Amino acid sequence: MNFNLKEAIEVLERTPQSLELFASGLSDGWLQCNEGEGTWNVAEVIDHLIEGEKHNWIPRLEFLLQEGESKPFPPFDRYAHLNESSERSIEQKLLELKTIRARNIAKLKALVESEAHLELTGSHPAFGTVKARELLSTWVVHDLTHMAQIVRVMAERYRADVGPWKQYLGLLNK
């Protein structure tokens, strides 16, 4: 097992900052491109991350610590962000993500007081028994997955423009 709470927090703290540096000030061409029907653009991925901050990671950890396995976590709608029409700029969205994430990391540090807390279990509606450690590990990998998704979506925008170099560009060959 590789999970280490301090190291997990290192990544969780950096995600909003990394996205802010990467996406702030980009033109709509970059922010609105996607990989085709049913896929998300950069702005939608950031909306999804915000939704997770509000309704997934810390709320589920709190639920797990309070309820144990007595009740399953409330469901999390991974697509809820698509139902909201938002006129906010990417900078406003990134600021919201950064603000909520900072608050959630502070809660995380307060909630997990010892290694023993990481072994506590809860009930996931689809997976059954899960450990706090697994939930937190998933939060980190979820961030990394969506950061990779953003880069992949943006690369896809230039797929037809790179010509024969496509064969050397791993992002376009997956």
C-alpha atoms as a PDB file:
ATOM      1  CA  MET A   1       0.000   0.000   0.000  1.00  0.00           C
ATOM      2  CA  ASN A   2       1.357   3.396  -1.001  1.00  0.00           C
ATOM      3  CA  PHE A   3      -1.247   5.735   0.486  1.00  0.00           C
ATOM      4  CA  ASN A   4       0.160   8.439   2.710  1.00  0.00           C
ATOM      5  CA  LEU A   5      -2.170  11.224   3.868  1.00  0.00           C
ATOM      6  CA  LYS A   6       0.524  13.901   3.811  1.00  0.00           C
ATOM      7  CA  GLU A   7       1.483  12.966   0.246  1.00  0.00           C
ATOM      8  CA  ALA A   8      -2.165  12.790  -0.819  1.00  0.00           C
ATOM      9  CA  ILE A   9      -2.691  16.306   0.472  1.00  0.00           C
ATOM     10  CA  GLU A  10       0.327  17.474  -1.545  1.00  0.00           C
ATOM     11  CA  VAL A  11      -1.520  16.555  -4.738  1.00  0.00           C
ATOM     12  CA  LEU A  12      -4.945  17.721  -3.567  1.00  0.00           C
ATOM     13  CA  GLU A  13      -3.528  21.138  -2.651  1.00  0.00           C
ATOM     14  CA  ARG A  14      -1.835  21.532  -6.027  1.00  0.00           C
ATOM     15  CA  THR A  15      -4.710  20.584  -8.312  1.00  0.00           C
ATOM     16  CA  PRO A  16      -6.550  23.938  -8.184  1.00  0.00           C
ATOM     17  CA  GLN A  17      -3.287  25.858  -8.517  1.00  0.00           C
ATOM     18  CA  SER A  18      -2.154  23.729 -11.451  1.00  0.00           C
ATOM     19  CA  LEU A  19      -5.473  24.136 -13.223  1.00  0.00           C
ATOM     20  CA  GLU A  20      -5.450  27.873 -12.563  1.00  0.00           C
ATOM     21  CA  LEU A  21      -2.009  28.236 -14.137  1.00  0.00           C
ATOM     22  CA  PHE A  22      -2.964  25.995 -17.032  1.00  0.00           C
ATOM     23  CA  ALA A  23      -6.467  27.225 -17.897  1.00  0.00           C
ATOM     24  CA  SER A  24      -6.729  30.871 -16.797  1.00  0.00           C
ATOM     25  CA  GLY A  25      -6.749  33.242 -19.717  1.00  0.00           C
ATOM     26  CA  LEU A  26      -7.198  30.564 -22.369  1.00  0.00           C
ATOM     27  CA  SER A  27      -9.459  31.388 -25.292  1.00  0.00           C
ATOM     28  CA  ASP A  28     -12.866  29.757 -25.631  1.00  0.00           C
ATOM     29  CA  GLY A  29     -11.466  27.587 -28.397  1.00  0.00           C
ATOM     30  CA  TRP A  30      -9.375  25.754 -25.809  1.00  0.00           C
ATOM     31  CA  LEU A  31     -11.961  25.849 -23.035  1.00  0.00           C
ATOM     32  CA  GLN A  32     -14.914  24.633 -25.109  1.00  0.00           C
ATOM     33  CA  CYS A  33     -13.299  21.919 -27.251  1.00  0.00           C
ATOM     34  CA  ASN A  34     -14.134  18.304 -26.461  1.00  0.00           C
ATOM     35  CA  GLU A  35     -13.558  14.820 -27.856  1.00  0.00           C
ATOM     36  CA  GLY A  36     -16.965  14.481 -29.479  1.00  0.00           C
ATOM     37  CA  GLU A  37     -20.566  13.922 -28.472  1.00  0.00           C
ATOM     38  CA  GLY A  38     -21.042  12.967 -24.832  1.00  0.00           C
ATOM     39  CA  THR A  39     -17.600  14.172 -23.753  1.00  0.00           C
ATOM     40  CA  TRP A  40     -16.641  17.088 -21.546  1.00  0.00           C
ATOM     41  CA  ASN A  41     -14.731  20.234 -22.339  1.00  0.00           C
ATOM     42  CA  VAL A  42     -12.241  21.922 -19.986  1.00  0.00           C
ATOM     43  CA  ALA A  43     -14.869  24.150 -18.377  1.00  0.00           C
ATOM     44  CA  GLU A  44     -17.170  21.178 -17.761  1.00  0.00           C
ATOM     45  CA  VAL A  45     -14.384  19.164 -16.143  1.00  0.00           C
ATOM     46  CA  ILE A  46     -13.723  22.045 -13.763  1.00  0.00           C
ATOM     47  CA  ASP A  47     -17.469  22.276 -13.012  1.00  0.00           C
ATOM     48  CA  HIS A  48     -17.397  18.539 -12.239  1.00  0.00           C
ATOM     49  CA  LEU A  49     -14.464  18.982  -9.862  1.00  0.00           C
ATOM     50  CA  ILE A  50     -16.369  21.755  -8.059  1.00  0.00           C
ATOM     51  CA  GLU A  51     -19.430  19.519  -7.768  1.00  0.00           C
ATOM     52  CA  GLY A  52     -17.249  16.791  -6.234  1.00  0.00           C
ATOM     53  CA  GLU A  53     -15.864  19.243  -3.704  1.00  0.00           C
ATOM     54  CA  LYS A  54     -19.370  20.212  -2.657  1.00  0.00           C
ATOM     55  CA  HIS A  55     -21.078  16.813  -2.626  1.00  0.00           C
ATOM     56  CA  ASN A  56     -18.608  13.942  -2.803  1.00  0.00           C
ATOM     57  CA  TRP A  57     -15.247  13.690  -1.075  1.00  0.00           C
ATOM     58  CA  ILE A  58     -15.528  15.416   2.297  1.00  0.00           C
ATOM     59  CA  PRO A  59     -19.283  14.850   2.664  1.00  0.00           C
ATOM     60  CA  ARG A  60     -18.716  11.124   2.111  1.00  0.00           C
ATOM     61  CA  LEU A  61     -15.768  11.044   4.509  1.00  0.00           C
ATOM     62  CA  GLU A  62     -17.885  12.766   7.162  1.00  0.00           C
ATOM     63  CA  PHE A  63     -20.716  10.306   6.479  1.00  0.00           C
ATOM     64  CA  LEU A  64     -18.333   7.329   6.718  1.00  0.00           C
ATOM     65  CA  LEU A  65     -16.919   8.561  10.033  1.00  0.00           C
ATOM     66  CA  GLN A  66     -20.376   9.198  11.452  1.00  0.00           C
ATOM     67  CA  GLU A  67     -22.392   6.264  10.101  1.00  0.00           C
ATOM     68  CA  GLY A  68     -19.806   3.578   9.451  1.00  0.00           C
ATOM     69  CA  GLU A  69     -21.398   0.793   7.441  1.00  0.00           C
ATOM     70  CA  SER A  70     -24.878   1.310   8.927  1.00  0.00           C
ATOM     71  CA  LYS A  71     -26.111   3.282   5.892  1.00  0.00           C
ATOM     72  CA  PRO A  72     -24.763   3.625   2.356  1.00  0.00           C
ATOM     73  CA  PHE A  73     -23.369   6.969   1.255  1.00  0.00           C
ATOM     74  CA  PRO A  74     -25.933   9.245  -0.345  1.00  0.00           C
ATOM     75  CA  PRO A  75     -25.620   8.922  -4.145  1.00  0.00           C
ATOM     76  CA  PHE A  76     -23.361  11.336  -5.992  1.00  0.00           C
ATOM     77  CA  ASP A  77     -24.530  12.447  -9.432  1.00  0.00           C
ATOM     78  CA  ARG A  78     -21.339  12.606 -11.522  1.00  0.00           C
ATOM     79  CA  TYR A  79     -23.240  14.486 -14.220  1.00  0.00           C
ATOM     80  CA  ALA A  80     -25.054  17.086 -12.072  1.00  0.00           C
ATOM     81  CA  HIS A  81     -22.770  19.868 -13.302  1.00  0.00           C
ATOM     82  CA  LEU A  82     -24.135  19.406 -16.826  1.00  0.00           C
ATOM     83  CA  ASN A  83     -27.619  20.401 -15.651  1.00  0.00           C
ATOM     84  CA  GLU A  84     -26.515  23.851 -14.533  1.00  0.00           C
ATOM     85  CA  SER A  85     -26.202  26.734 -16.933  1.00  0.00           C
ATOM     86  CA  SER A  86     -23.321  28.887 -15.805  1.00  0.00           C
ATOM     87  CA  GLU A  87     -22.175  32.175 -17.229  1.00  0.00           C
ATOM     88  CA  ARG A  88     -19.187  32.328 -14.906  1.00  0.00           C
ATOM     89  CA  SER A  89     -15.758  32.817 -16.397  1.00  0.00           C
ATOM     90  CA  ILE A  90     -13.141  30.101 -16.136  1.00  0.00           C
ATOM     91  CA  GLU A  91     -11.303  32.302 -13.641  1.00  0.00           C
ATOM     92  CA  GLN A  92     -14.401  32.478 -11.431  1.00  0.00           C
ATOM     93  CA  LYS A  93     -14.804  28.710 -11.586  1.00  0.00           C
ATOM     94  CA  LEU A  94     -11.147  28.143 -10.754  1.00  0.00           C
ATOM     95  CA  LEU A  95     -11.371  30.528  -7.797  1.00  0.00           C
ATOM     96  CA  GLU A  96     -14.404  28.624  -6.504  1.00  0.00           C
ATOM     97  CA  LEU A  97     -12.545  25.318  -6.859  1.00  0.00           C
ATOM     98  CA  LYS A  98      -9.515  26.730  -5.058  1.00  0.00           C
ATOM     99  CA  THR A  99     -11.633  28.164  -2.236  1.00  0.00           C
ATOM    100  CA  ILE A 100     -13.693  25.035  -1.640  1.00  0.00           C
ATOM    101  CA  ARG A 101     -10.651  22.771  -1.933  1.00  0.00           C
ATOM    102  CA  ALA A 102      -8.746  24.766   0.699  1.00  0.00           C
ATOM    103  CA  ARG A 103     -11.739  24.496   3.042  1.00  0.00           C
ATOM    104  CA  ASN A 104     -12.027  20.754   2.343  1.00  0.00           C
ATOM    105  CA  ILE A 105      -8.357  20.099   2.998  1.00  0.00           C
ATOM    106  CA  ALA A 106      -8.659  21.889   6.337  1.00  0.00           C
ATOM    107  CA  LYS A 107     -11.668  19.656   7.151  1.00  0.00           C
ATOM    108  CA  LEU A 108      -9.731  16.581   6.033  1.00  0.00           C
ATOM    109  CA  LYS A 109      -6.866  17.397   8.386  1.00  0.00           C
ATOM    110  CA  ALA A 110      -9.324  17.873  11.254  1.00  0.00           C
ATOM    111  CA  LEU A 111     -11.321  14.709  10.504  1.00  0.00           C
ATOM    112  CA  VAL A 112      -8.449  12.257  10.103  1.00  0.00           C
ATOM    113  CA  GLU A 113      -6.714  12.430  13.442  1.00  0.00           C
ATOM    114  CA  SER A 114      -4.788   9.154  13.229  1.00  0.00           C
ATOM    115  CA  GLU A 115      -3.841   6.293  10.929  1.00  0.00           C
ATOM    116  CA  ALA A 116      -6.636   4.300  12.572  1.00  0.00           C
ATOM    117  CA  HIS A 117      -9.217   6.672  11.052  1.00  0.00           C
ATOM    118  CA  LEU A 118      -7.992   5.669   7.591  1.00  0.00           C
ATOM    119  CA  GLU A 119      -9.035   2.063   8.248  1.00  0.00           C
ATOM    120  CA  LEU A 120     -12.608   2.954   9.235  1.00  0.00           C
ATOM    121  CA  THR A 121     -15.212   1.656   6.816  1.00  0.00           C
ATOM    122  CA  GLY A 122     -18.395   2.897   5.237  1.00  0.00           C
ATOM    123  CA  SER A 123     -20.872   1.577   2.735  1.00  0.00           C
ATOM    124  CA  HIS A 124     -20.753   2.700  -0.889  1.00  0.00           C
ATOM    125  CA  PRO A 125     -24.079   2.285  -2.755  1.00  0.00           C
ATOM    126  CA  ALA A 126     -22.421   0.350  -5.609  1.00  0.00           C
ATOM    127  CA  PHE A 127     -19.206  -1.095  -4.130  1.00  0.00           C
ATOM    128  CA  GLY A 128     -20.289  -2.095  -0.638  1.00  0.00           C
ATOM    129  CA  THR A 129     -17.726  -1.796   2.145  1.00  0.00           C
ATOM    130  CA  VAL A 130     -14.997   0.787   1.507  1.00  0.00           C
ATOM    131  CA  LYS A 131     -12.259   2.212   3.717  1.00  0.00           C
ATOM    132  CA  ALA A 132     -11.615   5.883   4.373  1.00  0.00           C
ATOM    133  CA  ARG A 133      -8.128   5.284   2.937  1.00  0.00           C
ATOM    134  CA  GLU A 134      -9.675   4.073  -0.331  1.00  0.00           C
ATOM    135  CA  LEU A 135     -12.010   7.057  -0.560  1.00  0.00           C
ATOM    136  CA  LEU A 136      -9.114   9.482  -0.080  1.00  0.00           C
ATOM    137  CA  SER A 137      -6.880   7.609  -2.523  1.00  0.00           C
ATOM    138  CA  THR A 138      -9.681   7.806  -5.072  1.00  0.00           C
ATOM    139  CA  TRP A 139      -9.967  11.572  -4.543  1.00  0.00           C
ATOM    140  CA  VAL A 140      -6.292  11.987  -5.466  1.00  0.00           C
ATOM    141  CA  VAL A 141      -6.473   9.717  -8.517  1.00  0.00           C
ATOM    142  CA  HIS A 142      -9.733  11.404  -9.559  1.00  0.00           C
ATOM    143  CA  ASP A 143      -7.888  14.750  -9.637  1.00  0.00           C
ATOM    144  CA  LEU A 144      -5.035  13.267 -11.662  1.00  0.00           C
ATOM    145  CA  THR A 145      -7.481  11.570 -14.046  1.00  0.00           C
ATOM    146  CA  HIS A 146      -9.287  14.813 -14.796  1.00  0.00           C
ATOM    147  CA  MET A 147      -6.049  16.755 -15.197  1.00  0.00           C
ATOM    148  CA  ALA A 148      -4.977  14.166 -17.776  1.00  0.00           C
ATOM    149  CA  GLN A 149      -8.421  14.396 -19.394  1.00  0.00           C
ATOM    150  CA  ILE A 150      -8.070  18.165 -19.788  1.00  0.00           C
ATOM    151  CA  VAL A 151      -4.714  17.793 -21.503  1.00  0.00           C
ATOM    152  CA  ARG A 152      -6.024  14.991 -23.737  1.00  0.00           C
ATOM    153  CA  VAL A 153      -9.109  17.000 -24.767  1.00  0.00           C
ATOM    154  CA  MET A 154      -6.976  19.993 -25.641  1.00  0.00           C
ATOM    155  CA  ALA A 155      -4.549  17.871 -27.657  1.00  0.00           C
ATOM    156  CA  GLU A 156      -7.473  16.379 -29.567  1.00  0.00           C
ATOM    157  CA  ARG A 157      -8.325  19.849 -30.832  1.00  0.00           C
ATOM    158  CA  TYR A 158      -5.170  19.816 -32.973  1.00  0.00           C
ATOM    159  CA  ARG A 159      -5.385  16.151 -34.066  1.00  0.00           C
ATOM    160  CA  ALA A 160      -5.961  17.028 -37.733  1.00  0.00           C
ATOM    161  CA  ASP A 161      -3.390  19.824 -37.651  1.00  0.00           C
ATOM    162  CA  VAL A 162      -0.304  17.878 -36.599  1.00  0.00           C
ATOM    163  CA  GLY A 163      -0.117  15.958 -39.858  1.00  0.00           C
ATOM    164  CA  PRO A 164       2.299  13.033 -39.956  1.00  0.00           C
ATOM    165  CA  TRP A 165       3.694  13.839 -36.481  1.00  0.00           C
ATOM    166  CA  LYS A 166       0.576  12.226 -35.011  1.00  0.00           C
ATOM    167  CA  GLN A 167       2.411   8.920 -34.901  1.00  0.00           C
ATOM    168  CA  TYR A 168       4.846  10.389 -32.348  1.00  0.00           C
ATOM    169  CA  LEU A 169       2.246  12.056 -30.135  1.00  0.00           C
ATOM    170  CA  GLY A 170       1.118   9.615 -27.470  1.00  0.00           C
ATOM    171  CA  LEU A 171      -1.922  11.646 -26.421  1.00  0.00           C
ATOM    172  CA  LEU A 172      -3.364  11.318 -29.920  1.00  0.00           C
ATOM    173  CA  ASN A 173      -2.673   7.589 -30.161  1.00  0.00           C
ATOM    174  CA  LYS A 174      -4.617   6.299 -27.163  1.00  0.00           C
END
